[in-house]
């Protein structure tokens, strides 16, 4: 398909644009960015064989998914592609304080650096929501797995900017009402929620991020 590619500029002027893991390119995808039919995310993280550390959030190696048998823990294994199927509630400990549910599969690939003391690359790819596809921010009781609250947004209509605004609204609404955090089945009071972006944390949310 790409046997012949023609360019009009000198190669030394555009070669950096072909390095998708250069710092210049990664900066454009540090949160998420739409690219064709997909949404891409590229993050610099310390990646070992079965662990991952974020420079700002610390250890975010534990990945939880909720299925028919309950909470299931998974790990980010270096150079191992992991898929979270559409509709499957999932969260990453200390990374975002809610269960994310969306209508697109998500693919994750941790790429370690050449040397152990260097930051590697964490690649996230998912389809761009379209039609009536949605995202949900949900909370389940950490003791008995009862659904506590579910905040739904139509990402296909509001786009990525709307997603981050909806995330903040969902977290604020959940944290403002202790009745939402109190399990109707076992009466356990669950911890506060927090957003993906650590810079948005209130002092109370920052403390909660350390706990779950």
N, C-alpha and C. Protein backbone atom coordinates (compact mmCIF):
# COMPACT_ATOMS: atom_id res chain seq x y z
N UNK A 1 0.83 -1.22 0.00
CA UNK A 1 0.00 0.00 0.00
C UNK A 1 0.86 1.25 0.00
N UNK A 2 1.99 1.21 0.74
CA UNK A 2 2.85 2.38 0.85
C UNK A 2 4.19 2.12 0.17
N UNK A 3 4.16 1.44 -0.94
CA UNK A 3 5.41 1.13 -1.65
C UNK A 3 6.07 2.39 -2.18
N UNK A 4 5.26 3.41 -2.47
CA UNK A 4 5.81 4.64 -3.01
C UNK A 4 5.17 5.83 -2.32
N UNK A 5 5.97 6.60 -1.62
CA UNK A 5 5.50 7.79 -0.92
C UNK A 5 6.31 8.98 -1.42
N UNK A 6 5.61 10.01 -1.83
CA UNK A 6 6.29 11.20 -2.33
C UNK A 6 6.06 12.36 -1.37
N UNK A 7 7.12 13.13 -1.12
CA UNK A 7 7.03 14.32 -0.27
C UNK A 7 7.65 15.48 -1.02
N UNK A 8 7.17 16.67 -0.69
CA UNK A 8 7.65 17.86 -1.39
C UNK A 8 8.69 18.64 -0.59
N UNK A 9 8.84 18.33 0.71
CA UNK A 9 9.78 19.04 1.56
C UNK A 9 11.03 18.19 1.77
N UNK A 10 12.18 18.85 2.09
CA UNK A 10 13.40 18.10 2.40
C UNK A 10 13.17 17.16 3.58
N UNK A 11 13.70 15.96 3.52
CA UNK A 11 13.45 14.95 4.55
C UNK A 11 13.90 15.41 5.93
N UNK A 12 14.98 16.22 5.98
CA UNK A 12 15.46 16.64 7.29
C UNK A 12 14.52 17.63 7.97
N UNK A 13 13.59 18.21 7.22
CA UNK A 13 12.63 19.15 7.80
C UNK A 13 11.41 18.45 8.36
N UNK A 14 11.11 17.26 7.90
CA UNK A 14 9.88 16.59 8.33
C UNK A 14 10.12 15.27 9.05
N UNK A 15 11.38 14.86 9.19
CA UNK A 15 11.64 13.53 9.75
C UNK A 15 11.10 13.39 11.17
N UNK A 16 11.12 14.49 11.95
CA UNK A 16 10.61 14.41 13.32
C UNK A 16 9.12 14.11 13.35
N UNK A 17 8.39 14.49 12.32
CA UNK A 17 6.95 14.24 12.29
C UNK A 17 6.63 12.77 12.10
N UNK A 18 7.62 11.97 11.71
CA UNK A 18 7.40 10.55 11.48
C UNK A 18 7.75 9.72 12.72
N UNK A 19 8.30 10.38 13.72
CA UNK A 19 8.63 9.68 14.97
C UNK A 19 7.48 9.88 15.93
N UNK A 20 6.59 8.90 16.00
CA UNK A 20 5.37 9.04 16.80
C UNK A 20 5.63 9.01 18.30
N UNK A 21 6.83 8.63 18.72
CA UNK A 21 7.15 8.61 20.14
C UNK A 21 8.10 9.73 20.54
N UNK A 22 8.29 10.69 19.67
CA UNK A 22 9.11 11.84 20.04
C UNK A 22 8.32 12.71 21.02
N UNK A 23 9.04 13.44 21.87
CA UNK A 23 8.37 14.27 22.87
C UNK A 23 7.42 15.28 22.23
N UNK A 24 7.79 15.78 21.05
CA UNK A 24 6.95 16.76 20.37
C UNK A 24 5.61 16.17 19.99
N UNK A 25 5.61 14.95 19.52
CA UNK A 25 4.37 14.29 19.12
C UNK A 25 3.57 13.83 20.33
N UNK A 26 4.26 13.23 21.30
CA UNK A 26 3.59 12.73 22.50
C UNK A 26 2.82 13.83 23.21
N UNK A 27 3.37 15.05 23.21
CA UNK A 27 2.71 16.17 23.88
C UNK A 27 1.31 16.43 23.33
N UNK A 28 1.08 16.14 22.06
CA UNK A 28 -0.22 16.36 21.44
C UNK A 28 -1.24 15.32 21.89
N UNK A 29 -0.77 14.19 22.42
CA UNK A 29 -1.67 13.09 22.79
C UNK A 29 -1.60 12.78 24.28
N UNK A 30 -1.14 13.74 25.09
CA UNK A 30 -0.93 13.48 26.52
C UNK A 30 -2.23 13.21 27.25
N UNK A 31 -3.35 13.75 26.78
CA UNK A 31 -4.66 13.38 27.32
C UNK A 31 -5.27 12.41 26.31
N UNK A 32 -6.13 12.90 25.45
CA UNK A 32 -6.64 12.12 24.33
C UNK A 32 -6.81 13.06 23.15
N UNK A 33 -6.72 12.51 21.95
CA UNK A 33 -6.92 13.31 20.76
C UNK A 33 -7.51 12.44 19.67
N UNK A 34 -8.49 12.99 18.96
CA UNK A 34 -9.11 12.25 17.87
C UNK A 34 -8.15 12.18 16.68
N UNK A 35 -8.08 11.00 16.08
CA UNK A 35 -7.25 10.79 14.89
C UNK A 35 -8.01 9.84 13.97
N UNK A 36 -8.65 10.41 12.98
CA UNK A 36 -9.46 9.60 12.08
C UNK A 36 -10.64 8.99 12.80
N UNK A 37 -10.79 7.67 12.74
CA UNK A 37 -11.91 6.99 13.38
C UNK A 37 -11.59 6.56 14.81
N UNK A 38 -10.42 6.95 15.30
CA UNK A 38 -10.00 6.53 16.63
C UNK A 38 -9.66 7.71 17.53
N UNK A 39 -9.58 7.42 18.82
CA UNK A 39 -9.09 8.35 19.82
C UNK A 39 -7.81 7.76 20.38
N UNK A 40 -6.74 8.57 20.40
CA UNK A 40 -5.43 8.09 20.83
C UNK A 40 -4.96 8.83 22.08
N UNK A 41 -4.24 8.10 22.93
CA UNK A 41 -3.59 8.69 24.08
C UNK A 41 -2.18 8.14 24.20
N UNK A 42 -1.20 9.02 24.46
CA UNK A 42 0.19 8.61 24.66
C UNK A 42 0.69 9.24 25.95
N UNK A 43 1.15 8.42 26.91
CA UNK A 43 1.61 8.95 28.18
C UNK A 43 3.01 8.43 28.50
N UNK A 44 3.84 9.25 29.10
CA UNK A 44 5.18 8.84 29.53
C UNK A 44 5.08 8.30 30.95
N UNK A 45 5.49 7.05 31.15
CA UNK A 45 5.40 6.42 32.45
C UNK A 45 6.57 5.46 32.65
N UNK A 46 6.86 5.18 33.92
CA UNK A 46 7.86 4.17 34.25
C UNK A 46 7.20 2.81 34.12
N UNK A 47 7.70 1.99 33.20
CA UNK A 47 7.06 0.71 32.90
C UNK A 47 8.06 -0.42 33.11
N UNK A 48 7.70 -1.32 34.01
CA UNK A 48 8.50 -2.52 34.26
C UNK A 48 7.75 -3.73 33.71
N UNK A 49 8.23 -4.92 34.00
CA UNK A 49 7.63 -6.13 33.42
C UNK A 49 6.15 -6.25 33.75
N UNK A 50 5.75 -5.95 34.99
CA UNK A 50 4.34 -6.08 35.37
C UNK A 50 3.90 -4.96 36.30
N UNK A 51 4.51 -3.79 36.17
CA UNK A 51 4.12 -2.65 37.00
C UNK A 51 4.28 -1.36 36.20
N UNK A 52 3.56 -0.33 36.65
CA UNK A 52 3.62 0.95 35.95
C UNK A 52 3.46 2.08 36.96
N UNK A 53 4.30 3.09 36.84
CA UNK A 53 4.26 4.24 37.73
C UNK A 53 4.13 5.52 36.91
N UNK A 54 3.19 6.35 37.33
CA UNK A 54 3.00 7.66 36.70
C UNK A 54 3.81 8.69 37.48
N UNK A 55 4.52 9.60 36.80
CA UNK A 55 5.36 10.58 37.51
C UNK A 55 4.58 11.42 38.52
N UNK A 56 3.27 11.64 38.28
CA UNK A 56 2.48 12.49 39.16
C UNK A 56 1.57 11.69 40.09
N UNK A 57 1.13 10.51 39.65
CA UNK A 57 0.13 9.76 40.41
C UNK A 57 0.72 8.58 41.19
N UNK A 58 1.95 8.22 40.90
CA UNK A 58 2.55 7.09 41.58
C UNK A 58 2.18 5.77 40.92
N UNK A 59 2.08 4.71 41.73
CA UNK A 59 1.83 3.37 41.22
C UNK A 59 0.39 3.23 40.73
N UNK A 60 0.23 2.98 39.43
CA UNK A 60 -1.10 2.78 38.86
C UNK A 60 -1.14 1.44 38.12
N UNK A 61 -0.56 0.43 38.76
CA UNK A 61 -0.44 -0.88 38.13
C UNK A 61 -1.72 -1.70 38.20
N UNK A 62 -2.55 -1.44 39.20
CA UNK A 62 -3.73 -2.28 39.43
C UNK A 62 -4.91 -1.83 38.57
N UNK A 63 -5.36 -2.73 37.74
CA UNK A 63 -6.51 -2.48 36.85
C UNK A 63 -7.65 -3.38 37.30
N UNK A 64 -8.81 -2.80 37.54
CA UNK A 64 -9.97 -3.57 37.99
C UNK A 64 -11.04 -3.56 36.92
N UNK A 65 -11.66 -4.71 36.72
CA UNK A 65 -12.81 -4.82 35.83
C UNK A 65 -13.92 -5.54 36.59
N UNK A 66 -15.15 -5.18 36.26
CA UNK A 66 -16.31 -5.79 36.91
C UNK A 66 -17.02 -6.67 35.91
N UNK A 67 -17.11 -7.96 36.22
CA UNK A 67 -17.80 -8.89 35.35
C UNK A 67 -18.79 -9.72 36.16
N UNK A 68 -19.33 -10.76 35.58
CA UNK A 68 -20.37 -11.55 36.22
C UNK A 68 -19.91 -12.19 37.52
N UNK A 69 -18.61 -12.43 37.66
CA UNK A 69 -18.09 -13.06 38.87
C UNK A 69 -17.61 -12.04 39.90
N UNK A 70 -17.78 -10.74 39.62
CA UNK A 70 -17.38 -9.70 40.56
C UNK A 70 -16.16 -8.93 40.11
N UNK A 71 -15.51 -8.25 41.05
CA UNK A 71 -14.32 -7.49 40.74
C UNK A 71 -13.18 -8.42 40.35
N UNK A 72 -12.53 -8.10 39.25
CA UNK A 72 -11.38 -8.90 38.79
C UNK A 72 -10.19 -7.97 38.58
N UNK A 73 -9.07 -8.34 39.16
CA UNK A 73 -7.87 -7.50 39.05
C UNK A 73 -6.98 -7.97 37.91
N UNK A 74 -6.52 -7.00 37.14
CA UNK A 74 -5.58 -7.28 36.06
C UNK A 74 -4.37 -6.37 36.22
N UNK A 75 -3.36 -6.61 35.41
CA UNK A 75 -2.15 -5.80 35.49
C UNK A 75 -1.71 -5.38 34.08
N UNK A 76 -0.97 -4.27 34.05
CA UNK A 76 -0.36 -3.83 32.81
C UNK A 76 0.95 -4.59 32.63
N UNK A 77 1.02 -5.49 31.70
CA UNK A 77 2.25 -6.22 31.42
C UNK A 77 2.96 -5.59 30.23
N UNK A 78 4.24 -5.32 30.37
CA UNK A 78 5.00 -4.65 29.33
C UNK A 78 4.92 -5.40 28.01
N UNK A 79 4.70 -4.63 26.94
CA UNK A 79 4.64 -5.15 25.57
C UNK A 79 3.53 -6.20 25.38
N UNK A 80 2.53 -6.14 26.24
CA UNK A 80 1.39 -7.05 26.12
C UNK A 80 0.12 -6.23 25.87
N UNK A 81 -0.51 -6.45 24.72
CA UNK A 81 -1.71 -5.70 24.38
C UNK A 81 -2.89 -6.21 25.21
N UNK A 82 -3.57 -5.30 25.89
CA UNK A 82 -4.73 -5.66 26.69
C UNK A 82 -5.95 -4.94 26.15
N UNK A 83 -7.07 -5.62 26.14
CA UNK A 83 -8.31 -5.06 25.60
C UNK A 83 -9.38 -5.06 26.68
N UNK A 84 -10.03 -3.92 26.86
CA UNK A 84 -11.23 -3.84 27.69
C UNK A 84 -12.42 -3.73 26.75
N UNK A 85 -13.29 -4.72 26.80
CA UNK A 85 -14.41 -4.77 25.86
C UNK A 85 -15.43 -3.68 26.16
N UNK A 86 -16.08 -3.22 25.10
CA UNK A 86 -17.13 -2.21 25.24
C UNK A 86 -18.19 -2.69 26.23
N UNK A 87 -18.66 -1.78 27.08
CA UNK A 87 -19.69 -2.11 28.04
C UNK A 87 -19.19 -2.70 29.34
N UNK A 88 -17.88 -2.91 29.45
CA UNK A 88 -17.32 -3.54 30.65
C UNK A 88 -16.84 -2.46 31.64
N UNK A 89 -17.42 -2.37 32.84
CA UNK A 89 -16.95 -1.39 33.82
C UNK A 89 -15.50 -1.65 34.19
N UNK A 90 -14.69 -0.60 34.23
CA UNK A 90 -13.28 -0.75 34.54
C UNK A 90 -12.73 0.51 35.18
N UNK A 91 -11.67 0.36 35.95
CA UNK A 91 -10.99 1.50 36.55
C UNK A 91 -9.55 1.13 36.86
N UNK A 92 -8.72 2.16 37.00
CA UNK A 92 -7.31 1.99 37.35
C UNK A 92 -7.09 2.64 38.70
N UNK A 93 -6.64 1.87 39.66
CA UNK A 93 -6.43 2.39 41.01
C UNK A 93 -5.51 3.61 41.00
N UNK A 94 -5.93 4.66 41.72
CA UNK A 94 -5.18 5.90 41.89
C UNK A 94 -5.08 6.73 40.60
N UNK A 95 -5.74 6.30 39.54
CA UNK A 95 -5.66 7.01 38.26
C UNK A 95 -6.94 7.80 37.98
N UNK A 96 -8.10 7.17 38.18
CA UNK A 96 -9.37 7.90 38.11
C UNK A 96 -10.35 7.25 39.09
N UNK A 97 -11.08 8.08 39.81
CA UNK A 97 -11.90 7.60 40.92
C UNK A 97 -13.34 7.35 40.56
N UNK A 98 -13.55 6.50 39.58
CA UNK A 98 -14.89 6.07 39.18
C UNK A 98 -14.71 4.85 38.29
N UNK A 99 -15.81 4.19 37.99
CA UNK A 99 -15.80 3.09 37.03
C UNK A 99 -16.23 3.63 35.69
N UNK A 100 -15.39 3.43 34.71
CA UNK A 100 -15.67 3.93 33.36
C UNK A 100 -16.36 2.83 32.54
N UNK A 101 -17.44 3.21 31.90
CA UNK A 101 -18.16 2.29 31.01
C UNK A 101 -18.40 3.03 29.70
N UNK A 102 -17.97 2.44 28.59
CA UNK A 102 -18.18 3.11 27.30
C UNK A 102 -18.59 2.11 26.23
N UNK A 103 -18.99 2.63 25.10
CA UNK A 103 -19.51 1.80 24.02
C UNK A 103 -18.46 1.42 22.98
N UNK A 104 -17.19 1.62 23.31
CA UNK A 104 -16.10 1.26 22.41
C UNK A 104 -15.08 0.40 23.14
N UNK A 105 -14.50 -0.56 22.42
CA UNK A 105 -13.38 -1.31 22.99
C UNK A 105 -12.21 -0.36 23.24
N UNK A 106 -11.44 -0.65 24.27
CA UNK A 106 -10.22 0.11 24.55
C UNK A 106 -9.02 -0.82 24.50
N UNK A 107 -7.95 -0.37 23.82
CA UNK A 107 -6.73 -1.15 23.70
C UNK A 107 -5.59 -0.42 24.41
N UNK A 108 -4.80 -1.19 25.18
CA UNK A 108 -3.70 -0.61 25.95
C UNK A 108 -2.41 -1.36 25.64
N UNK A 109 -1.34 -0.60 25.44
CA UNK A 109 -0.04 -1.21 25.17
C UNK A 109 1.05 -0.46 25.92
N UNK A 110 1.61 -1.05 26.99
CA UNK A 110 2.74 -0.43 27.70
C UNK A 110 4.05 -0.77 26.98
N UNK A 111 4.82 0.26 26.65
CA UNK A 111 6.10 0.07 25.95
C UNK A 111 7.22 0.55 26.88
N UNK A 112 8.01 -0.35 27.42
CA UNK A 112 9.07 0.08 28.34
C UNK A 112 10.19 0.82 27.62
N UNK A 113 10.92 1.62 28.37
CA UNK A 113 12.07 2.33 27.81
C UNK A 113 13.25 1.37 27.67
N UNK A 114 14.27 1.84 26.99
CA UNK A 114 15.45 1.00 26.79
C UNK A 114 16.17 0.71 28.10
N UNK A 115 16.16 1.72 29.00
CA UNK A 115 16.82 1.56 30.29
C UNK A 115 15.81 1.71 31.42
N UNK A 116 16.06 1.03 32.53
CA UNK A 116 15.08 0.95 33.62
C UNK A 116 14.78 2.30 34.26
N UNK A 117 15.72 3.24 34.20
CA UNK A 117 15.51 4.53 34.86
C UNK A 117 14.90 5.58 33.92
N UNK A 118 14.42 5.15 32.76
CA UNK A 118 13.82 6.08 31.79
C UNK A 118 12.32 5.85 31.70
N UNK A 119 11.62 6.89 31.29
CA UNK A 119 10.17 6.79 31.09
C UNK A 119 9.87 6.05 29.79
N UNK A 120 8.93 5.13 29.88
CA UNK A 120 8.45 4.44 28.68
C UNK A 120 7.22 5.12 28.13
N UNK A 121 6.48 4.40 27.31
CA UNK A 121 5.30 4.96 26.65
C UNK A 121 4.10 4.06 26.91
N UNK A 122 2.99 4.69 27.23
CA UNK A 122 1.74 3.95 27.43
C UNK A 122 0.76 4.41 26.36
N UNK A 123 0.36 3.47 25.51
CA UNK A 123 -0.50 3.79 24.37
C UNK A 123 -1.93 3.32 24.65
N UNK A 124 -2.88 4.22 24.42
CA UNK A 124 -4.30 3.90 24.57
C UNK A 124 -5.00 4.21 23.25
N UNK A 125 -5.77 3.26 22.75
CA UNK A 125 -6.51 3.45 21.50
C UNK A 125 -7.94 2.98 21.70
N UNK A 126 -8.88 3.78 21.26
CA UNK A 126 -10.29 3.39 21.28
C UNK A 126 -11.00 4.03 20.08
N UNK A 127 -12.13 3.50 19.72
CA UNK A 127 -12.89 4.07 18.62
C UNK A 127 -13.55 5.38 19.01
N UNK A 128 -13.73 6.27 18.06
CA UNK A 128 -14.42 7.53 18.32
C UNK A 128 -15.93 7.27 18.42
N UNK A 129 -16.57 7.68 19.52
CA UNK A 129 -18.01 7.45 19.67
C UNK A 129 -18.79 8.12 18.54
N UNK A 130 -19.80 7.44 18.05
CA UNK A 130 -20.64 7.99 16.99
C UNK A 130 -22.07 7.54 17.19
N UNK A 131 -22.97 8.11 16.41
CA UNK A 131 -24.39 7.75 16.53
C UNK A 131 -24.92 8.14 17.90
N UNK A 132 -25.39 7.17 18.66
CA UNK A 132 -25.93 7.41 20.00
C UNK A 132 -25.05 6.81 21.08
N UNK A 133 -23.76 6.59 20.79
CA UNK A 133 -22.87 5.95 21.75
C UNK A 133 -22.54 6.88 22.92
N UNK A 134 -22.37 6.27 24.08
CA UNK A 134 -22.26 7.03 25.33
C UNK A 134 -21.04 6.61 26.14
N UNK A 135 -20.77 7.40 27.18
CA UNK A 135 -19.85 7.04 28.25
C UNK A 135 -20.60 7.16 29.56
N UNK A 136 -20.23 6.31 30.52
CA UNK A 136 -20.83 6.37 31.85
C UNK A 136 -19.74 6.46 32.90
N UNK A 137 -20.02 7.25 33.94
CA UNK A 137 -19.18 7.31 35.14
C UNK A 137 -20.01 6.66 36.24
N UNK A 138 -19.56 5.52 36.71
CA UNK A 138 -20.36 4.75 37.66
C UNK A 138 -19.57 4.49 38.94
N UNK A 139 -20.33 4.22 40.01
CA UNK A 139 -19.72 3.86 41.28
C UNK A 139 -20.42 2.64 41.85
N UNK A 140 -19.63 1.69 42.31
CA UNK A 140 -20.12 0.47 42.93
C UNK A 140 -19.60 0.40 44.36
N UNK A 141 -20.38 -0.16 45.23
CA UNK A 141 -19.94 -0.31 46.62
C UNK A 141 -18.68 -1.17 46.66
N UNK A 142 -17.66 -0.68 47.32
CA UNK A 142 -16.39 -1.41 47.38
C UNK A 142 -16.48 -2.64 48.28
N UNK A 143 -17.56 -2.74 49.06
CA UNK A 143 -17.74 -3.89 49.95
C UNK A 143 -18.59 -4.99 49.33
N UNK A 144 -19.72 -4.61 48.69
CA UNK A 144 -20.65 -5.63 48.21
C UNK A 144 -20.96 -5.53 46.72
N UNK A 145 -20.36 -4.56 46.02
CA UNK A 145 -20.45 -4.41 44.56
C UNK A 145 -21.81 -3.92 44.07
N UNK A 146 -22.63 -3.40 44.95
CA UNK A 146 -23.92 -2.84 44.55
C UNK A 146 -23.71 -1.54 43.76
N UNK A 147 -24.45 -1.36 42.67
CA UNK A 147 -24.37 -0.11 41.92
C UNK A 147 -24.93 1.03 42.76
N UNK A 148 -24.14 2.08 42.95
CA UNK A 148 -24.54 3.22 43.76
C UNK A 148 -25.08 4.37 42.93
N UNK A 149 -24.39 4.65 41.81
CA UNK A 149 -24.76 5.83 41.01
C UNK A 149 -24.15 5.69 39.62
N UNK A 150 -24.84 6.23 38.64
CA UNK A 150 -24.39 6.14 37.25
C UNK A 150 -24.71 7.45 36.55
N UNK A 151 -23.68 8.11 36.06
CA UNK A 151 -23.85 9.39 35.36
C UNK A 151 -23.51 9.16 33.88
N UNK A 152 -24.48 9.35 32.99
CA UNK A 152 -24.31 9.04 31.58
C UNK A 152 -24.20 10.32 30.75
N UNK A 153 -23.25 10.33 29.80
CA UNK A 153 -23.12 11.45 28.87
C UNK A 153 -23.10 10.91 27.44
N UNK A 154 -23.61 11.69 26.52
CA UNK A 154 -23.64 11.30 25.11
C UNK A 154 -22.37 11.81 24.43
N UNK A 155 -21.31 11.07 24.58
CA UNK A 155 -20.01 11.48 24.05
C UNK A 155 -20.04 11.64 22.54
N UNK A 156 -20.86 10.86 21.86
CA UNK A 156 -20.94 10.95 20.41
C UNK A 156 -21.43 12.32 19.95
N UNK A 157 -22.14 13.02 20.84
CA UNK A 157 -22.67 14.35 20.48
C UNK A 157 -21.85 15.49 21.05
N UNK A 158 -21.20 15.28 22.21
CA UNK A 158 -20.50 16.39 22.86
C UNK A 158 -18.99 16.33 22.68
N UNK A 159 -18.46 15.21 22.18
CA UNK A 159 -17.03 15.11 21.88
C UNK A 159 -16.15 15.03 23.11
N UNK A 160 -14.83 15.09 22.89
CA UNK A 160 -13.87 14.93 23.98
C UNK A 160 -13.95 16.06 25.00
N UNK A 161 -14.13 17.30 24.52
CA UNK A 161 -14.24 18.42 25.45
C UNK A 161 -15.43 18.22 26.38
N UNK A 162 -16.52 17.73 25.82
CA UNK A 162 -17.70 17.45 26.62
C UNK A 162 -17.49 16.30 27.58
N UNK A 163 -16.65 15.34 27.18
CA UNK A 163 -16.34 14.21 28.07
C UNK A 163 -15.70 14.71 29.36
N UNK A 164 -14.67 15.56 29.24
CA UNK A 164 -13.97 16.02 30.44
C UNK A 164 -14.88 16.90 31.30
N UNK A 165 -15.73 17.69 30.67
CA UNK A 165 -16.70 18.49 31.44
C UNK A 165 -17.69 17.57 32.14
N UNK A 166 -18.15 16.54 31.44
CA UNK A 166 -19.08 15.60 32.05
C UNK A 166 -18.45 14.83 33.20
N UNK A 167 -17.16 14.50 33.07
CA UNK A 167 -16.46 13.82 34.15
C UNK A 167 -16.46 14.67 35.41
N UNK A 168 -16.15 15.95 35.27
CA UNK A 168 -16.11 16.84 36.43
C UNK A 168 -17.50 16.97 37.06
N UNK A 169 -18.53 17.08 36.23
CA UNK A 169 -19.89 17.18 36.74
C UNK A 169 -20.29 15.91 37.48
N UNK A 170 -19.91 14.76 36.93
CA UNK A 170 -20.25 13.48 37.57
C UNK A 170 -19.57 13.36 38.93
N UNK A 171 -18.28 13.68 38.99
CA UNK A 171 -17.54 13.60 40.24
C UNK A 171 -18.10 14.57 41.27
N UNK A 172 -18.39 15.79 40.86
CA UNK A 172 -18.95 16.78 41.79
C UNK A 172 -20.29 16.31 42.35
N UNK A 173 -21.15 15.80 41.46
CA UNK A 173 -22.47 15.37 41.90
C UNK A 173 -22.40 14.22 42.88
N UNK A 174 -21.53 13.26 42.61
CA UNK A 174 -21.38 12.10 43.49
C UNK A 174 -20.82 12.51 44.84
N UNK A 175 -19.81 13.36 44.83
CA UNK A 175 -19.17 13.76 46.09
C UNK A 175 -20.05 14.66 46.95
N UNK A 176 -20.96 15.39 46.31
CA UNK A 176 -21.79 16.34 47.04
C UNK A 176 -22.92 15.67 47.83
N UNK A 177 -23.24 14.42 47.53
CA UNK A 177 -24.39 13.76 48.15
C UNK A 177 -23.93 12.47 48.83
N UNK A 178 -23.85 12.50 50.14
CA UNK A 178 -23.38 11.31 50.86
C UNK A 178 -24.34 10.14 50.70
N UNK A 179 -25.60 10.44 50.38
CA UNK A 179 -26.56 9.36 50.15
C UNK A 179 -26.18 8.53 48.92
N UNK A 180 -25.54 9.18 47.92
CA UNK A 180 -25.09 8.44 46.74
C UNK A 180 -23.93 7.52 47.08
N UNK A 181 -23.12 7.92 48.04
CA UNK A 181 -21.94 7.14 48.41
C UNK A 181 -22.24 6.07 49.46
N UNK A 182 -23.44 6.15 50.06
CA UNK A 182 -23.82 5.18 51.08
C UNK A 182 -24.58 4.02 50.44
N UNK A 183 -24.07 2.82 50.61
CA UNK A 183 -24.65 1.65 49.97
C UNK A 183 -26.02 1.33 50.57
N UNK A 184 -27.05 1.19 49.75
CA UNK A 184 -28.38 0.86 50.26
C UNK A 184 -28.50 -0.58 50.75
N UNK A 185 -27.52 -1.41 50.41
CA UNK A 185 -27.57 -2.82 50.81
C UNK A 185 -26.81 -3.09 52.11
N UNK A 186 -25.58 -2.53 52.22
CA UNK A 186 -24.77 -2.85 53.39
C UNK A 186 -24.44 -1.63 54.25
N UNK A 187 -24.90 -0.43 53.82
CA UNK A 187 -24.71 0.83 54.57
C UNK A 187 -23.26 1.30 54.62
N UNK A 188 -22.39 0.71 53.83
CA UNK A 188 -21.01 1.18 53.79
C UNK A 188 -20.93 2.53 53.10
N UNK A 189 -20.20 3.47 53.71
CA UNK A 189 -19.99 4.79 53.09
C UNK A 189 -18.71 4.71 52.26
N UNK A 190 -18.87 4.85 50.95
CA UNK A 190 -17.75 4.69 50.02
C UNK A 190 -16.95 5.98 49.90
N UNK A 191 -15.69 5.88 49.48
CA UNK A 191 -14.81 7.06 49.41
C UNK A 191 -15.21 8.03 48.32
N UNK A 192 -14.68 9.25 48.41
CA UNK A 192 -14.94 10.28 47.42
C UNK A 192 -14.38 9.88 46.05
N UNK A 193 -15.00 10.41 45.02
CA UNK A 193 -14.52 10.22 43.66
C UNK A 193 -13.48 11.28 43.32
N UNK A 194 -12.77 11.09 42.19
CA UNK A 194 -11.83 12.09 41.71
C UNK A 194 -11.67 11.92 40.20
N UNK A 195 -11.24 12.98 39.53
CA UNK A 195 -11.11 12.99 38.08
C UNK A 195 -9.79 12.35 37.64
N UNK A 196 -9.68 12.11 36.34
CA UNK A 196 -8.45 11.54 35.79
C UNK A 196 -7.28 12.51 35.96
N UNK A 197 -7.52 13.79 35.72
CA UNK A 197 -6.47 14.80 35.80
C UNK A 197 -6.21 15.17 37.26
N UNK A 198 -5.06 14.79 37.77
CA UNK A 198 -4.73 15.02 39.17
C UNK A 198 -4.74 16.50 39.53
N UNK A 199 -4.48 17.37 38.56
CA UNK A 199 -4.45 18.81 38.82
C UNK A 199 -5.83 19.34 39.22
N UNK A 200 -6.88 18.59 38.93
CA UNK A 200 -8.24 19.03 39.26
C UNK A 200 -8.67 18.64 40.67
N UNK A 201 -7.85 17.85 41.37
CA UNK A 201 -8.24 17.36 42.69
C UNK A 201 -8.43 18.48 43.70
N UNK A 202 -9.51 18.41 44.48
CA UNK A 202 -9.61 19.20 45.69
C UNK A 202 -8.75 18.51 46.75
N UNK A 203 -8.45 19.18 47.88
CA UNK A 203 -7.67 18.51 48.93
C UNK A 203 -8.30 17.19 49.37
N UNK A 204 -9.63 17.15 49.49
CA UNK A 204 -10.30 15.92 49.91
C UNK A 204 -10.20 14.84 48.84
N UNK A 205 -10.30 15.24 47.57
CA UNK A 205 -10.18 14.28 46.47
C UNK A 205 -8.76 13.73 46.38
N UNK A 206 -7.78 14.59 46.64
CA UNK A 206 -6.38 14.15 46.61
C UNK A 206 -6.13 13.07 47.67
N UNK A 207 -6.74 13.23 48.83
CA UNK A 207 -6.61 12.21 49.87
C UNK A 207 -7.30 10.92 49.47
N UNK A 208 -8.44 11.04 48.81
CA UNK A 208 -9.17 9.85 48.37
C UNK A 208 -8.39 9.10 47.29
N UNK A 209 -7.69 9.84 46.43
CA UNK A 209 -6.89 9.22 45.37
C UNK A 209 -5.82 8.29 45.97
N UNK A 210 -5.30 8.64 47.12
CA UNK A 210 -4.29 7.83 47.77
C UNK A 210 -4.86 6.51 48.29
N UNK A 211 -6.17 6.49 48.53
CA UNK A 211 -6.81 5.33 49.16
C UNK A 211 -7.33 4.30 48.16
N UNK A 212 -7.80 4.78 46.98
CA UNK A 212 -8.41 3.79 46.08
C UNK A 212 -8.21 4.20 44.61
